[in-house]
Structure formats: C-alpha cells, structure tokens
C-alpha cells in the first residue's frame, strides 16, 4: 500500500470503511469528490496524483475485460 499504509489504516484515517477504500483504489468504484480529497489526504498524496492512479487502474480493468 502507498506510504506503507494498509487499506484498513487508510479507512480509519479518513473515517470510512476498508471495502470502500479497496474499491476506490482498485478502480472498481469512483469516490465522491469529498471522499477523494479525504482519501488523498489519508494517503499523503495530492488529489491529482490519486486521480491519475485510479484512472490508470480503471484503464487496466477495462483492458482485462
């Protein structure tokens, strides 16, 4: 996990649930704007970096279908 954090730790930092974090980071679901900001903050990233990472993962998922 980025910055050595588990998905559970990220979820706790942002006051959310691990399954949501997993779905967002895998590209299976897109977080709301506020969740995206909270997720980026919890991962110590800039939101635009996180958006790019999620986009790349979604592209990989689409290519696998």
PDB file of N, CA and C in Angstrom:
ATOM      1  N   UNK A   1       0.842  -1.177   0.000  1.00  0.00           N
ATOM      2  CA  UNK A   1       0.000   0.000   0.000  1.00  0.00           C
ATOM      3  C   UNK A   1       0.884   1.235   0.000  1.00  0.00           C
ATOM      4  N   UNK A   2       0.406   2.297  -0.585  1.00  0.00           N
ATOM      5  CA  UNK A   2       1.162   3.532  -0.695  1.00  0.00           C
ATOM      6  C   UNK A   2       1.512   4.061   0.695  1.00  0.00           C
ATOM      7  N   UNK A   3       2.732   4.537   0.830  1.00  0.00           N
ATOM      8  CA  UNK A   3       3.239   5.090   2.096  1.00  0.00           C
ATOM      9  C   UNK A   3       3.271   4.051   3.206  1.00  0.00           C
ATOM     10  N   UNK A   4       3.204   2.773   2.852  1.00  0.00           N
ATOM     11  CA  UNK A   4       3.278   1.715   3.847  1.00  0.00           C
ATOM     12  C   UNK A   4       2.011   1.548   4.670  1.00  0.00           C
ATOM     13  N   UNK A   5       0.904   2.129   4.245  1.00  0.00           N
ATOM     14  CA  UNK A   5      -0.354   2.022   4.973  1.00  0.00           C
ATOM     15  C   UNK A   5      -1.208   0.903   4.398  1.00  0.00           C
ATOM     16  N   UNK A   6      -1.922   0.197   5.260  1.00  0.00           N
ATOM     17  CA  UNK A   6      -2.881  -0.784   4.771  1.00  0.00           C
ATOM     18  C   UNK A   6      -4.178  -0.052   4.398  1.00  0.00           C
ATOM     19  N   UNK A   7      -5.020  -0.742   3.668  1.00  0.00           N
ATOM     20  CA  UNK A   7      -6.313  -0.139   3.325  1.00  0.00           C
ATOM     21  C   UNK A   7      -7.131   0.127   4.587  1.00  0.00           C
ATOM     22  N   UNK A   8      -7.013  -0.743   5.570  1.00  0.00           N
ATOM     23  CA  UNK A   8      -7.715  -0.527   6.831  1.00  0.00           C
ATOM     24  C   UNK A   8      -7.237   0.723   7.547  1.00  0.00           C
ATOM     25  N   UNK A   9      -5.925   0.952   7.527  1.00  0.00           N
ATOM     26  CA  UNK A   9      -5.377   2.160   8.155  1.00  0.00           C
ATOM     27  C   UNK A   9      -5.834   3.410   7.418  1.00  0.00           C
ATOM     28  N   UNK A  10      -5.854   3.342   6.113  1.00  0.00           N
ATOM     29  CA  UNK A  10      -6.330   4.485   5.323  1.00  0.00           C
ATOM     30  C   UNK A  10      -7.792   4.754   5.648  1.00  0.00           C
ATOM     31  N   UNK A  11      -8.601   3.697   5.695  1.00  0.00           N
ATOM     32  CA  UNK A  11     -10.028   3.855   6.014  1.00  0.00           C
ATOM     33  C   UNK A  11     -10.214   4.504   7.382  1.00  0.00           C
ATOM     34  N   UNK A  12      -9.453   4.051   8.366  1.00  0.00           N
ATOM     35  CA  UNK A  12      -9.561   4.638   9.712  1.00  0.00           C
ATOM     36  C   UNK A  12      -9.162   6.109   9.702  1.00  0.00           C
ATOM     37  N   UNK A  13      -8.095   6.440   8.984  1.00  0.00           N
ATOM     38  CA  UNK A  13      -7.640   7.838   8.912  1.00  0.00           C
ATOM     39  C   UNK A  13      -8.719   8.746   8.339  1.00  0.00           C
ATOM     40  N   UNK A  14      -9.495   8.218   7.390  1.00  0.00           N
ATOM     41  CA  UNK A  14     -10.484   9.068   6.739  1.00  0.00           C
ATOM     42  C   UNK A  14     -11.894   8.859   7.276  1.00  0.00           C
ATOM     43  N   UNK A  15     -12.044   7.977   8.275  1.00  0.00           N
ATOM     44  CA  UNK A  15     -13.361   7.740   8.860  1.00  0.00           C
ATOM     45  C   UNK A  15     -14.291   7.002   7.922  1.00  0.00           C
ATOM     46  N   UNK A  16     -13.753   6.034   7.179  1.00  0.00           N
ATOM     47  CA  UNK A  16     -14.547   5.281   6.220  1.00  0.00           C
ATOM     48  C   UNK A  16     -14.328   3.797   6.468  1.00  0.00           C
ATOM     49  N   UNK A  17     -14.727   2.975   5.509  1.00  0.00           N
ATOM     50  CA  UNK A  17     -14.637   1.528   5.653  1.00  0.00           C
ATOM     51  C   UNK A  17     -13.657   0.948   4.641  1.00  0.00           C
ATOM     52  N   UNK A  18     -12.943  -0.103   5.047  1.00  0.00           N
ATOM     53  CA  UNK A  18     -11.936  -0.726   4.204  1.00  0.00           C
ATOM     54  C   UNK A  18     -12.490  -1.192   2.852  1.00  0.00           C
ATOM     55  N   UNK A  19     -13.699  -1.803   2.778  1.00  0.00           N
ATOM     56  CA  UNK A  19     -14.191  -2.222   1.460  1.00  0.00           C
ATOM     57  C   UNK A  19     -14.352  -1.047   0.481  1.00  0.00           C
ATOM     58  N   UNK A  20     -14.736   0.119   0.996  1.00  0.00           N
ATOM     59  CA  UNK A  20     -14.840   1.301   0.126  1.00  0.00           C
ATOM     60  C   UNK A  20     -13.464   1.696  -0.397  1.00  0.00           C
ATOM     61  N   UNK A  21     -12.488   1.745   0.498  1.00  0.00           N
ATOM     62  CA  UNK A  21     -11.124   2.112   0.107  1.00  0.00           C
ATOM     63  C   UNK A  21     -10.604   1.122  -0.927  1.00  0.00           C
ATOM     64  N   UNK A  22     -10.836  -0.145  -0.722  1.00  0.00           N
ATOM     65  CA  UNK A  22     -10.400  -1.172  -1.660  1.00  0.00           C
ATOM     66  C   UNK A  22     -11.010  -0.953  -3.041  1.00  0.00           C
ATOM     67  N   UNK A  23     -12.314  -0.707  -3.083  1.00  0.00           N
ATOM     68  CA  UNK A  23     -13.000  -0.494  -4.364  1.00  0.00           C
ATOM     69  C   UNK A  23     -12.480   0.759  -5.067  1.00  0.00           C
ATOM     70  N   UNK A  24     -12.216   1.815  -4.312  1.00  0.00           N
ATOM     71  CA  UNK A  24     -11.707   3.044  -4.923  1.00  0.00           C
ATOM     72  C   UNK A  24     -10.306   2.853  -5.468  1.00  0.00           C
ATOM     73  N   UNK A  25      -9.437   2.239  -4.663  1.00  0.00           N
ATOM     74  CA  UNK A  25      -8.037   2.092  -5.077  1.00  0.00           C
ATOM     75  C   UNK A  25      -7.865   1.082  -6.205  1.00  0.00           C
ATOM     76  N   UNK A  26      -8.774   0.128  -6.306  1.00  0.00           N
ATOM     77  CA  UNK A  26      -8.681  -0.854  -7.387  1.00  0.00           C
ATOM     78  C   UNK A  26      -9.258  -0.307  -8.685  1.00  0.00           C
ATOM     79  N   UNK A  27      -9.986   0.808  -8.590  1.00  0.00           N
ATOM     80  CA  UNK A  27     -10.614   1.377  -9.776  1.00  0.00           C
ATOM     81  C   UNK A  27     -11.991   0.809 -10.058  1.00  0.00           C
ATOM     82  N   UNK A  28     -12.504  -0.035  -9.157  1.00  0.00           N
ATOM     83  CA  UNK A  28     -13.826  -0.630  -9.354  1.00  0.00           C
ATOM     84  C   UNK A  28     -14.947   0.364  -9.116  1.00  0.00           C
ATOM     85  N   UNK A  29     -14.699   1.329  -8.231  1.00  0.00           N
ATOM     86  CA  UNK A  29     -15.672   2.384  -7.960  1.00  0.00           C
ATOM     87  C   UNK A  29     -14.940   3.716  -7.914  1.00  0.00           C
ATOM     88  N   UNK A  30     -15.666   4.776  -8.215  1.00  0.00           N
ATOM     89  CA  UNK A  30     -15.108   6.125  -8.183  1.00  0.00           C
ATOM     90  C   UNK A  30     -15.584   6.800  -6.900  1.00  0.00           C
ATOM     91  N   UNK A  31     -14.659   7.358  -6.113  1.00  0.00           N
ATOM     92  CA  UNK A  31     -15.075   8.033  -4.881  1.00  0.00           C
ATOM     93  C   UNK A  31     -15.747   9.378  -5.185  1.00  0.00           C
ATOM     94  N   UNK A  32     -16.581   9.816  -4.255  1.00  0.00           N
ATOM     95  CA  UNK A  32     -17.158  11.161  -4.371  1.00  0.00           C
ATOM     96  C   UNK A  32     -16.020  12.174  -4.272  1.00  0.00           C
ATOM     97  N   UNK A  33     -16.328  13.400  -4.592  1.00  0.00           N
ATOM     98  CA  UNK A  33     -15.306  14.450  -4.537  1.00  0.00           C
ATOM     99  C   UNK A  33     -14.718  14.569  -3.128  1.00  0.00           C
ATOM    100  N   UNK A  34     -15.576  14.582  -2.116  1.00  0.00           N
ATOM    101  CA  UNK A  34     -15.094  14.702  -0.740  1.00  0.00           C
ATOM    102  C   UNK A  34     -14.292  13.476  -0.330  1.00  0.00           C
ATOM    103  N   UNK A  35     -14.774  12.286  -0.712  1.00  0.00           N
ATOM    104  CA  UNK A  35     -14.032  11.066  -0.384  1.00  0.00           C
ATOM    105  C   UNK A  35     -12.677  11.054  -1.066  1.00  0.00           C
ATOM    106  N   UNK A  36     -12.618  11.571  -2.275  1.00  0.00           N
ATOM    107  CA  UNK A  36     -11.345  11.642  -2.995  1.00  0.00           C
ATOM    108  C   UNK A  36     -10.356  12.535  -2.246  1.00  0.00           C
ATOM    109  N   UNK A  37     -10.818  13.676  -1.787  1.00  0.00           N
ATOM    110  CA  UNK A  37      -9.957  14.588  -1.032  1.00  0.00           C
ATOM    111  C   UNK A  37      -9.512  13.925   0.272  1.00  0.00           C
ATOM    112  N   UNK A  38     -10.456  13.298   0.978  1.00  0.00           N
ATOM    113  CA  UNK A  38     -10.123  12.617   2.241  1.00  0.00           C
ATOM    114  C   UNK A  38      -9.153  11.465   2.006  1.00  0.00           C
ATOM    115  N   UNK A  39      -9.377  10.712   0.931  1.00  0.00           N
ATOM    116  CA  UNK A  39      -8.514   9.587   0.595  1.00  0.00           C
ATOM    117  C   UNK A  39      -7.103  10.065   0.276  1.00  0.00           C
ATOM    118  N   UNK A  40      -6.995  11.104  -0.519  1.00  0.00           N
ATOM    119  CA  UNK A  40      -5.676  11.652  -0.854  1.00  0.00           C
ATOM    120  C   UNK A  40      -4.960  12.145   0.403  1.00  0.00           C
ATOM    121  N   UNK A  41      -5.674  12.826   1.246  1.00  0.00           N
ATOM    122  CA  UNK A  41      -5.087  13.331   2.495  1.00  0.00           C
ATOM    123  C   UNK A  41      -4.602  12.171   3.367  1.00  0.00           C
ATOM    124  N   UNK A  42      -5.428  11.119   3.483  1.00  0.00           N
ATOM    125  CA  UNK A  42      -5.059   9.957   4.300  1.00  0.00           C
ATOM    126  C   UNK A  42      -3.831   9.251   3.741  1.00  0.00           C
ATOM    127  N   UNK A  43      -3.661   9.305   2.413  1.00  0.00           N
ATOM    128  CA  UNK A  43      -2.533   8.632   1.764  1.00  0.00           C
ATOM    129  C   UNK A  43      -1.339   9.559   1.579  1.00  0.00           C
ATOM    130  N   UNK A  44      -1.484  10.789   2.077  1.00  0.00           N
ATOM    131  CA  UNK A  44      -0.425  11.792   1.970  1.00  0.00           C
ATOM    132  C   UNK A  44      -0.014  12.012   0.514  1.00  0.00           C
ATOM    133  N   UNK A  45      -1.045  12.180  -0.332  1.00  0.00           N
ATOM    134  CA  UNK A  45      -0.861  12.428  -1.762  1.00  0.00           C
ATOM    135  C   UNK A  45      -1.652  13.669  -2.137  1.00  0.00           C
ATOM    136  N   UNK A  46      -1.336  14.210  -3.289  1.00  0.00           N
ATOM    137  CA  UNK A  46      -2.149  15.276  -3.859  1.00  0.00           C
ATOM    138  C   UNK A  46      -3.341  14.619  -4.562  1.00  0.00           C
ATOM    139  N   UNK A  47      -4.522  15.248  -4.530  1.00  0.00           N
ATOM    140  CA  UNK A  47      -5.684  14.654  -5.194  1.00  0.00           C
ATOM    141  C   UNK A  47      -5.447  14.334  -6.678  1.00  0.00           C
ATOM    142  N   UNK A  48      -4.708  15.183  -7.382  1.00  0.00           N
ATOM    143  CA  UNK A  48      -4.486  14.904  -8.808  1.00  0.00           C
ATOM    144  C   UNK A  48      -3.637  13.656  -9.013  1.00  0.00           C
ATOM    145  N   UNK A  49      -2.703  13.387  -8.102  1.00  0.00           N
ATOM    146  CA  UNK A  49      -1.906  12.158  -8.177  1.00  0.00           C
ATOM    147  C   UNK A  49      -2.805  10.932  -7.972  1.00  0.00           C
ATOM    148  N   UNK A  50      -3.706  11.044  -7.021  1.00  0.00           N
ATOM    149  CA  UNK A  50      -4.619   9.945  -6.724  1.00  0.00           C
ATOM    150  C   UNK A  50      -5.569   9.708  -7.895  1.00  0.00           C
ATOM    151  N   UNK A  51      -6.086  10.779  -8.479  1.00  0.00           N
ATOM    152  CA  UNK A  51      -6.975  10.642  -9.642  1.00  0.00           C
ATOM    153  C   UNK A  51      -6.249   9.921 -10.769  1.00  0.00           C
ATOM    154  N   UNK A  52      -5.012  10.294 -11.036  1.00  0.00           N
ATOM    155  CA  UNK A  52      -4.234   9.641 -12.099  1.00  0.00           C
ATOM    156  C   UNK A  52      -4.028   8.164 -11.790  1.00  0.00           C
ATOM    157  N   UNK A  53      -3.741   7.832 -10.549  1.00  0.00           N
ATOM    158  CA  UNK A  53      -3.535   6.442 -10.166  1.00  0.00           C
ATOM    159  C   UNK A  53      -4.814   5.632 -10.361  1.00  0.00           C
ATOM    160  N   UNK A  54      -5.948   6.173  -9.905  1.00  0.00           N
ATOM    161  CA  UNK A  54      -7.230   5.479 -10.046  1.00  0.00           C
ATOM    162  C   UNK A  54      -7.581   5.327 -11.523  1.00  0.00           C
ATOM    163  N   UNK A  55      -7.348   6.360 -12.322  1.00  0.00           N
ATOM    164  CA  UNK A  55      -7.638   6.301 -13.757  1.00  0.00           C
ATOM    165  C   UNK A  55      -6.839   5.183 -14.421  1.00  0.00           C
ATOM    166  N   UNK A  56      -5.546   5.092 -14.113  1.00  0.00           N
ATOM    167  CA  UNK A  56      -4.715   4.031 -14.704  1.00  0.00           C
ATOM    168  C   UNK A  56      -5.236   2.648 -14.321  1.00  0.00           C
ATOM    169  N   UNK A  57      -5.652   2.491 -13.089  1.00  0.00           N
ATOM    170  CA  UNK A  57      -6.176   1.190 -12.651  1.00  0.00           C
ATOM    171  C   UNK A  57      -7.491   0.867 -13.344  1.00  0.00           C
ATOM    172  N   UNK A  58      -8.343   1.871 -13.552  1.00  0.00           N
ATOM    173  CA  UNK A  58      -9.606   1.635 -14.270  1.00  0.00           C
ATOM    174  C   UNK A  58      -9.332   1.235 -15.717  1.00  0.00           C
ATOM    175  N   UNK A  59      -8.332   1.858 -16.321  1.00  0.00           N
ATOM    176  CA  UNK A  59      -7.971   1.518 -17.705  1.00  0.00           C
ATOM    177  C   UNK A  59      -7.499   0.067 -17.776  1.00  0.00           C
ATOM    178  N   UNK A  60      -6.709  -0.363 -16.801  1.00  0.00           N
ATOM    179  CA  UNK A  60      -6.240  -1.750 -16.767  1.00  0.00           C
ATOM    180  C   UNK A  60      -7.410  -2.716 -16.600  1.00  0.00           C
ATOM    181  N   UNK A  61      -8.365  -2.358 -15.763  1.00  0.00           N
ATOM    182  CA  UNK A  61      -9.547  -3.212 -15.565  1.00  0.00           C
ATOM    183  C   UNK A  61     -10.327  -3.350 -16.866  1.00  0.00           C
ATOM    184  N   UNK A  62     -10.523  -2.239 -17.567  1.00  0.00           N
ATOM    185  CA  UNK A  62     -11.257  -2.272 -18.839  1.00  0.00           C
ATOM    186  C   UNK A  62     -10.525  -3.127 -19.855  1.00  0.00           C
ATOM    187  N   UNK A  63      -9.226  -3.050 -19.898  1.00  0.00           N
ATOM    188  CA  UNK A  63      -8.430  -3.811 -20.865  1.00  0.00           C
ATOM    189  C   UNK A  63      -8.506  -5.310 -20.588  1.00  0.00           C
ATOM    190  N   UNK A  64      -8.731  -5.691 -19.352  1.00  0.00           N
ATOM    191  CA  UNK A  64      -8.804  -7.112 -18.989  1.00  0.00           C
ATOM    192  C   UNK A  64     -10.123  -7.747 -19.373  1.00  0.00           C
ATOM    193  N   UNK A  65     -11.127  -6.938 -19.656  1.00  0.00           N
ATOM    194  CA  UNK A  65     -12.470  -7.480 -19.989  1.00  0.00           C
ATOM    195  C   UNK A  65     -12.549  -7.968 -21.371  1.00  0.00           C
TER     196      UNK A  65
END
